[in-house]
Amino acid sequence: MQRYVITRNGKTTVITGWRAWFLSAVLLLGFWFLFAMVLFLFVGATITVGLLLLLLVPALGIAALFARLVSDR
């Protein structure tokens, strides 16, 4: 038996039956959505950092080689 007890401003409300199941389903979907958004945020940040490293490291290497070639030592 599913049951939720909510107390607000000294008034107690008990939610049972299909309303409790519906509340559980809504809360579960909400948490899944929140988890998916956090997951997408982290995956997006990881891809962005990886792409920047993939592009910047070789560019910095080429710039260092070019600077060494044109230096007037």
N, C-alpha and C. Protein backbone atom coordinates (compact mmCIF):
# COMPACT_ATOMS: atom_id res chain seq x y z
N MET A 1 0.85 -1.19 0.00
CA MET A 1 0.00 0.00 0.00
C MET A 1 0.89 1.24 0.00
N GLN A 2 0.68 2.09 -0.95
CA GLN A 2 1.46 3.31 -1.08
C GLN A 2 0.74 4.42 -0.33
N ARG A 3 1.55 5.21 0.42
CA ARG A 3 0.95 6.25 1.23
C ARG A 3 1.92 7.40 1.42
N TYR A 4 1.46 8.61 1.24
CA TYR A 4 2.26 9.80 1.49
C TYR A 4 1.57 10.62 2.57
N VAL A 5 2.36 11.08 3.54
CA VAL A 5 1.84 11.95 4.59
C VAL A 5 2.55 13.29 4.44
N ILE A 6 1.77 14.33 4.21
CA ILE A 6 2.32 15.67 4.02
C ILE A 6 1.74 16.57 5.11
N THR A 7 2.61 17.28 5.80
CA THR A 7 2.18 18.21 6.84
C THR A 7 2.59 19.61 6.44
N ARG A 8 1.60 20.49 6.31
CA ARG A 8 1.85 21.89 5.98
C ARG A 8 1.01 22.76 6.92
N ASN A 9 1.68 23.73 7.54
CA ASN A 9 1.01 24.69 8.43
C ASN A 9 0.18 23.99 9.50
N GLY A 10 0.70 22.89 10.01
CA GLY A 10 0.01 22.16 11.07
C GLY A 10 -1.13 21.28 10.58
N LYS A 11 -1.40 21.25 9.30
CA LYS A 11 -2.48 20.43 8.75
C LYS A 11 -1.86 19.22 8.06
N THR A 12 -2.31 18.03 8.42
CA THR A 12 -1.78 16.78 7.88
C THR A 12 -2.70 16.27 6.78
N THR A 13 -2.09 15.94 5.65
CA THR A 13 -2.83 15.37 4.52
C THR A 13 -2.22 14.02 4.18
N VAL A 14 -3.06 13.01 4.05
CA VAL A 14 -2.61 11.66 3.71
C VAL A 14 -3.06 11.37 2.28
N ILE A 15 -2.09 11.02 1.43
CA ILE A 15 -2.39 10.70 0.04
C ILE A 15 -2.23 9.19 -0.13
N THR A 16 -3.30 8.53 -0.56
CA THR A 16 -3.27 7.07 -0.75
C THR A 16 -3.92 6.73 -2.08
N GLY A 17 -3.84 5.46 -2.44
CA GLY A 17 -4.53 4.96 -3.62
C GLY A 17 -3.87 5.40 -4.91
N TRP A 18 -4.72 5.66 -5.92
CA TRP A 18 -4.19 5.99 -7.24
C TRP A 18 -3.47 7.33 -7.24
N ARG A 19 -3.88 8.25 -6.36
CA ARG A 19 -3.19 9.54 -6.29
C ARG A 19 -1.75 9.37 -5.81
N ALA A 20 -1.53 8.45 -4.88
CA ALA A 20 -0.17 8.19 -4.40
C ALA A 20 0.68 7.56 -5.51
N TRP A 21 0.09 6.64 -6.26
CA TRP A 21 0.82 6.04 -7.38
C TRP A 21 1.14 7.08 -8.44
N PHE A 22 0.17 7.96 -8.72
CA PHE A 22 0.39 9.02 -9.70
C PHE A 22 1.48 9.97 -9.24
N LEU A 23 1.47 10.34 -7.96
CA LEU A 23 2.51 11.21 -7.41
C LEU A 23 3.88 10.54 -7.49
N SER A 24 3.93 9.24 -7.22
CA SER A 24 5.20 8.51 -7.33
C SER A 24 5.71 8.51 -8.77
N ALA A 25 4.81 8.29 -9.72
CA ALA A 25 5.21 8.28 -11.14
C ALA A 25 5.71 9.65 -11.58
N VAL A 26 5.03 10.70 -11.16
CA VAL A 26 5.46 12.06 -11.52
C VAL A 26 6.81 12.38 -10.91
N LEU A 27 7.01 12.03 -9.65
CA LEU A 27 8.30 12.27 -8.99
C LEU A 27 9.41 11.47 -9.66
N LEU A 28 9.13 10.23 -10.01
CA LEU A 28 10.14 9.40 -10.68
C LEU A 28 10.51 9.99 -12.04
N LEU A 29 9.53 10.40 -12.82
CA LEU A 29 9.82 11.02 -14.11
C LEU A 29 10.59 12.32 -13.95
N GLY A 30 10.25 13.09 -12.93
CA GLY A 30 10.97 14.33 -12.66
C GLY A 30 12.43 14.09 -12.32
N PHE A 31 12.70 13.10 -11.49
CA PHE A 31 14.08 12.78 -11.13
C PHE A 31 14.85 12.22 -12.33
N TRP A 32 14.19 11.42 -13.15
CA TRP A 32 14.83 10.91 -14.37
C TRP A 32 15.20 12.07 -15.30
N PHE A 33 14.29 13.03 -15.45
CA PHE A 33 14.55 14.19 -16.29
C PHE A 33 15.72 15.00 -15.74
N LEU A 34 15.73 15.22 -14.43
CA LEU A 34 16.82 15.97 -13.80
C LEU A 34 18.16 15.24 -13.99
N PHE A 35 18.16 13.93 -13.80
CA PHE A 35 19.37 13.13 -14.00
C PHE A 35 19.85 13.20 -15.45
N ALA A 36 18.91 13.14 -16.40
CA ALA A 36 19.27 13.22 -17.82
C ALA A 36 19.88 14.58 -18.14
N MET A 37 19.32 15.66 -17.58
CA MET A 37 19.86 17.00 -17.85
C MET A 37 21.28 17.14 -17.29
N VAL A 38 21.52 16.63 -16.10
CA VAL A 38 22.87 16.67 -15.51
C VAL A 38 23.83 15.83 -16.34
N LEU A 39 23.36 14.65 -16.78
CA LEU A 39 24.19 13.79 -17.62
C LEU A 39 24.55 14.48 -18.93
N PHE A 40 23.57 15.10 -19.59
CA PHE A 40 23.84 15.81 -20.84
C PHE A 40 24.79 16.97 -20.63
N LEU A 41 24.66 17.65 -19.50
CA LEU A 41 25.57 18.76 -19.18
C LEU A 41 27.00 18.26 -19.06
N PHE A 42 27.20 17.18 -18.32
CA PHE A 42 28.55 16.65 -18.13
C PHE A 42 29.12 16.07 -19.42
N VAL A 43 28.31 15.38 -20.19
CA VAL A 43 28.78 14.83 -21.46
C VAL A 43 29.14 15.95 -22.43
N GLY A 44 28.32 16.99 -22.47
CA GLY A 44 28.61 18.13 -23.33
C GLY A 44 29.89 18.85 -22.93
N ALA A 45 30.09 19.03 -21.62
CA ALA A 45 31.31 19.67 -21.14
C ALA A 45 32.53 18.81 -21.46
N THR A 46 32.39 17.50 -21.32
CA THR A 46 33.50 16.59 -21.62
C THR A 46 33.86 16.64 -23.11
N ILE A 47 32.86 16.62 -23.97
CA ILE A 47 33.12 16.68 -25.41
C ILE A 47 33.76 18.01 -25.78
N THR A 48 33.29 19.10 -25.18
CA THR A 48 33.86 20.42 -25.46
C THR A 48 35.31 20.50 -25.06
N VAL A 49 35.65 20.06 -23.85
CA VAL A 49 37.04 20.09 -23.38
C VAL A 49 37.91 19.18 -24.23
N GLY A 50 37.41 18.00 -24.57
CA GLY A 50 38.18 17.09 -25.42
C GLY A 50 38.45 17.66 -26.79
N LEU A 51 37.45 18.31 -27.39
CA LEU A 51 37.64 18.91 -28.70
C LEU A 51 38.63 20.07 -28.64
N LEU A 52 38.53 20.88 -27.59
CA LEU A 52 39.49 21.97 -27.44
C LEU A 52 40.92 21.45 -27.30
N LEU A 53 41.09 20.41 -26.51
CA LEU A 53 42.43 19.83 -26.36
C LEU A 53 42.91 19.22 -27.67
N LEU A 54 42.00 18.58 -28.39
CA LEU A 54 42.36 17.97 -29.66
C LEU A 54 42.82 19.01 -30.68
N LEU A 55 42.26 20.20 -30.62
CA LEU A 55 42.63 21.25 -31.57
C LEU A 55 43.77 22.12 -31.07
N LEU A 56 43.81 22.41 -29.77
CA LEU A 56 44.79 23.36 -29.25
C LEU A 56 46.18 22.76 -29.06
N VAL A 57 46.28 21.51 -28.65
CA VAL A 57 47.60 20.92 -28.41
C VAL A 57 48.42 20.85 -29.70
N PRO A 58 47.89 20.35 -30.80
CA PRO A 58 48.69 20.38 -32.03
C PRO A 58 48.98 21.81 -32.51
N ALA A 59 48.03 22.72 -32.35
CA ALA A 59 48.26 24.10 -32.76
C ALA A 59 49.39 24.73 -31.95
N LEU A 60 49.41 24.47 -30.66
CA LEU A 60 50.50 25.00 -29.83
C LEU A 60 51.84 24.36 -30.20
N GLY A 61 51.82 23.08 -30.55
CA GLY A 61 53.05 22.42 -30.99
C GLY A 61 53.58 23.02 -32.27
N ILE A 62 52.70 23.27 -33.23
CA ILE A 62 53.11 23.88 -34.50
C ILE A 62 53.62 25.29 -34.26
N ALA A 63 52.96 26.05 -33.39
CA ALA A 63 53.41 27.41 -33.07
C ALA A 63 54.78 27.38 -32.41
N ALA A 64 55.03 26.41 -31.55
CA ALA A 64 56.34 26.30 -30.90
C ALA A 64 57.42 25.95 -31.91
N LEU A 65 57.12 25.03 -32.82
CA LEU A 65 58.09 24.69 -33.86
C LEU A 65 58.38 25.89 -34.76
N PHE A 66 57.34 26.63 -35.12
CA PHE A 66 57.52 27.81 -35.96
C PHE A 66 58.35 28.88 -35.23
N ALA A 67 58.08 29.07 -33.95
CA ALA A 67 58.83 30.05 -33.17
C ALA A 67 60.30 29.62 -33.06
N ARG A 68 60.54 28.35 -32.96
CA ARG A 68 61.93 27.87 -32.87
C ARG A 68 62.66 28.08 -34.21
N LEU A 69 61.94 27.89 -35.31
CA LEU A 69 62.55 28.06 -36.62
C LEU A 69 62.91 29.52 -36.92
N VAL A 70 62.06 30.43 -36.49
CA VAL A 70 62.28 31.84 -36.82
C VAL A 70 63.02 32.60 -35.71
N SER A 71 63.37 31.93 -34.65
CA SER A 71 64.11 32.63 -33.59
C SER A 71 65.51 32.99 -34.09
N ASP A 72 66.06 34.06 -33.58
CA ASP A 72 67.35 34.57 -34.07
C ASP A 72 68.51 34.21 -33.14
N ARG A 73 68.55 32.99 -32.68
CA ARG A 73 69.66 32.60 -31.82
C ARG A 73 70.91 32.39 -32.61
